[in-house]
């Protein structure tokens, strides 16, 4: 029988395989977390964070990053479970993002009152980190949640606070313009919608769920100001199934 490999080759091959295997098993939890972050932010990175947690069940960052991956892949109960565990381990981790991220998941699943409570806790932990900080985000998120609960006064106050910390925050500008439109302050709403002429709010932005409501309300503002372009905004929002837009198109657009 022909021998394909010499005995010494086989010994070297086995030794090399063992070395690679041991090298992988020796990676620390922090290294595995870094490996996961280098593999994107979706389902493909979850196994790395899971290995990091098995390696070190107290690795808060692994729970936090895996929760983010779960949320991005619509595994919301798993995301909340990981964030709960991370908060148990170190509630002050990453200047409030554990609570802020849990609030976002709760808001997505319709538990808006809980989201408001978590954003409030997140604000207690956040602090200024040049050039930006999570503070403006948490105020914006809480304002958005309050708006969903019908608290337009509280939503406006929080949105103003977000803009205090980041005056050019585009989503906060649009959110304030939406609130001003709802309140009938059309002149101020137009100023906020058109604050940055380099980044205009256009109908095609309705393809992003974060902006579809803004597209609808900008159309509503145009309708109130007798701008003939209002239907292009409503139709764009209706194409992405914004309920009010679908109704308005049926009633006022041909």
Foldseek 3Di string as FASTA:
>chain_A
DDDPDDPVVVVVVVVVVVVVVVVVVPDALVRLLVVLVVVPQEPVSLVSLVVSCVRPVLPLSSLQSNLSRCVVVVVLVSSLVSLVSSCVNPVLPQQLVSLQVNLVSCVVVPVLVSSLVSLVVSCVRWDADPPGTCNLVSLQSNLVSVVVVVNLVSSLVSLVVSCVSPVVPLLSLLSNLLSCLVVVVLVSSVCSQCVDVVDHDDLQVLVDVSCLVSLLSVLVSCVVVVNPCSLSSLVSSVVVPPPVSVVCCVVPND
